[in-house]
Amino acid sequence: MSVISRAKTWAGEASARLAEALAALADTVAPAPQPKPVPVRVRNERRR
């Protein structure tokens, strides 16, 4: 029984860490579209 309880707690911790990692990924991916206009300006400056 202790092994099963340990497995359950480990699975809970793993799922919590996965959720935190996914949240961190979402935070890093969500602001990504904002810096994209910057390279466009750089390209325009290079064309000039």
N, C-alpha and C. Protein backbone atom coordinates (compact mmCIF):
# COMPACT_ATOMS: atom_id res chain seq x y z
N MET A 1 0.85 -1.21 0.00
CA MET A 1 0.00 0.00 0.00
C MET A 1 0.88 1.25 0.00
N SER A 2 1.99 1.21 0.73
CA SER A 2 2.84 2.41 0.79
C SER A 2 3.42 2.72 -0.59
N VAL A 3 3.73 1.67 -1.34
CA VAL A 3 4.28 1.90 -2.68
C VAL A 3 3.25 2.58 -3.57
N ILE A 4 1.98 2.15 -3.44
CA ILE A 4 0.91 2.75 -4.25
C ILE A 4 0.73 4.22 -3.85
N SER A 5 0.74 4.48 -2.55
CA SER A 5 0.58 5.87 -2.10
C SER A 5 1.75 6.71 -2.58
N ARG A 6 2.95 6.15 -2.54
CA ARG A 6 4.12 6.89 -3.03
C ARG A 6 3.98 7.18 -4.51
N ALA A 7 3.51 6.19 -5.26
CA ALA A 7 3.32 6.39 -6.71
C ALA A 7 2.29 7.48 -6.95
N LYS A 8 1.22 7.48 -6.15
CA LYS A 8 0.18 8.51 -6.33
C LYS A 8 0.74 9.90 -6.03
N THR A 9 1.50 10.03 -4.95
CA THR A 9 2.06 11.34 -4.61
C THR A 9 3.07 11.76 -5.69
N TRP A 10 3.87 10.80 -6.20
CA TRP A 10 4.84 11.13 -7.24
C TRP A 10 4.11 11.58 -8.50
N ALA A 11 3.02 10.88 -8.84
CA ALA A 11 2.25 11.26 -10.03
C ALA A 11 1.66 12.64 -9.84
N GLY A 12 1.18 12.93 -8.64
CA GLY A 12 0.62 14.26 -8.37
C GLY A 12 1.67 15.33 -8.52
N GLU A 13 2.86 15.08 -7.99
CA GLU A 13 3.94 16.07 -8.11
C GLU A 13 4.34 16.24 -9.57
N ALA A 14 4.41 15.12 -10.29
CA ALA A 14 4.79 15.20 -11.70
C ALA A 14 3.76 15.99 -12.49
N SER A 15 2.47 15.74 -12.23
CA SER A 15 1.43 16.48 -12.95
C SER A 15 1.48 17.95 -12.58
N ALA A 16 1.74 18.26 -11.31
CA ALA A 16 1.84 19.66 -10.89
C ALA A 16 3.01 20.34 -11.59
N ARG A 17 4.15 19.63 -11.68
CA ARG A 17 5.32 20.22 -12.34
C ARG A 17 5.03 20.40 -13.83
N LEU A 18 4.31 19.43 -14.42
CA LEU A 18 3.95 19.55 -15.83
C LEU A 18 3.06 20.77 -16.03
N ALA A 19 2.09 20.95 -15.14
CA ALA A 19 1.18 22.09 -15.25
C ALA A 19 1.97 23.39 -15.13
N GLU A 20 2.94 23.44 -14.21
CA GLU A 20 3.74 24.65 -14.06
C GLU A 20 4.59 24.89 -15.31
N ALA A 21 5.15 23.81 -15.87
CA ALA A 21 5.96 23.95 -17.08
C ALA A 21 5.09 24.44 -18.24
N LEU A 22 3.88 23.89 -18.36
CA LEU A 22 2.98 24.32 -19.43
C LEU A 22 2.61 25.78 -19.24
N ALA A 23 2.35 26.18 -18.00
CA ALA A 23 2.01 27.59 -17.74
C ALA A 23 3.18 28.49 -18.10
N ALA A 24 4.39 28.07 -17.76
CA ALA A 24 5.57 28.87 -18.10
C ALA A 24 5.73 28.94 -19.62
N LEU A 25 5.49 27.82 -20.30
CA LEU A 25 5.58 27.83 -21.76
C LEU A 25 4.54 28.77 -22.34
N ALA A 26 3.31 28.71 -21.80
CA ALA A 26 2.25 29.60 -22.30
C ALA A 26 2.65 31.06 -22.08
N ASP A 27 3.27 31.36 -20.94
CA ASP A 27 3.69 32.73 -20.66
C ASP A 27 4.77 33.17 -21.65
N THR A 28 5.67 32.26 -22.02
CA THR A 28 6.75 32.64 -22.93
C THR A 28 6.25 32.70 -24.37
N VAL A 29 5.28 31.83 -24.71
CA VAL A 29 4.79 31.81 -26.10
C VAL A 29 3.80 32.95 -26.34
N ALA A 30 3.01 33.32 -25.34
CA ALA A 30 1.99 34.35 -25.54
C ALA A 30 2.61 35.70 -25.91
N PRO A 31 3.65 36.19 -25.21
CA PRO A 31 4.23 37.47 -25.58
C PRO A 31 5.09 37.42 -26.85
N ALA A 32 5.34 36.24 -27.39
CA ALA A 32 6.21 36.11 -28.55
C ALA A 32 5.71 36.92 -29.75
N PRO A 33 4.41 36.95 -30.07
CA PRO A 33 3.96 37.74 -31.23
C PRO A 33 4.29 39.22 -31.12
N GLN A 34 4.47 39.75 -29.92
CA GLN A 34 4.75 41.18 -29.76
C GLN A 34 6.12 41.58 -30.33
N PRO A 35 7.21 40.84 -30.04
CA PRO A 35 8.52 41.26 -30.59
C PRO A 35 8.63 41.05 -32.10
N LYS A 36 7.72 40.30 -32.72
CA LYS A 36 7.84 40.01 -34.15
C LYS A 36 7.86 41.27 -35.02
N PRO A 37 7.06 42.31 -34.72
CA PRO A 37 7.12 43.52 -35.56
C PRO A 37 8.50 44.17 -35.57
N VAL A 38 9.33 43.91 -34.56
CA VAL A 38 10.65 44.55 -34.51
C VAL A 38 11.52 44.10 -35.68
N PRO A 39 11.62 42.81 -35.99
CA PRO A 39 12.44 42.40 -37.15
C PRO A 39 11.92 43.02 -38.45
N VAL A 40 10.62 43.24 -38.56
CA VAL A 40 10.09 43.84 -39.79
C VAL A 40 10.67 45.23 -39.96
N ARG A 41 10.75 46.00 -38.87
CA ARG A 41 11.34 47.34 -38.96
C ARG A 41 12.81 47.24 -39.36
N VAL A 42 13.50 46.24 -38.81
CA VAL A 42 14.91 46.07 -39.15
C VAL A 42 15.04 45.76 -40.64
N ARG A 43 14.13 44.94 -41.17
CA ARG A 43 14.18 44.61 -42.60
C ARG A 43 13.96 45.87 -43.43
N ASN A 44 13.01 46.69 -43.02
CA ASN A 44 12.75 47.93 -43.76
C ASN A 44 13.98 48.82 -43.75
N GLU A 45 14.66 48.90 -42.60
CA GLU A 45 15.86 49.73 -42.51
C GLU A 45 16.96 49.16 -43.41
N ARG A 46 17.05 47.83 -43.49
CA ARG A 46 18.08 47.22 -44.33
C ARG A 46 17.78 47.51 -45.80
N ARG A 47 16.48 47.51 -46.17
CA ARG A 47 16.12 47.79 -47.56
C ARG A 47 16.52 49.21 -47.94
N ARG A 48 16.37 50.15 -46.99
CA ARG A 48 16.76 51.53 -47.27
C ARG A 48 18.28 51.61 -47.44
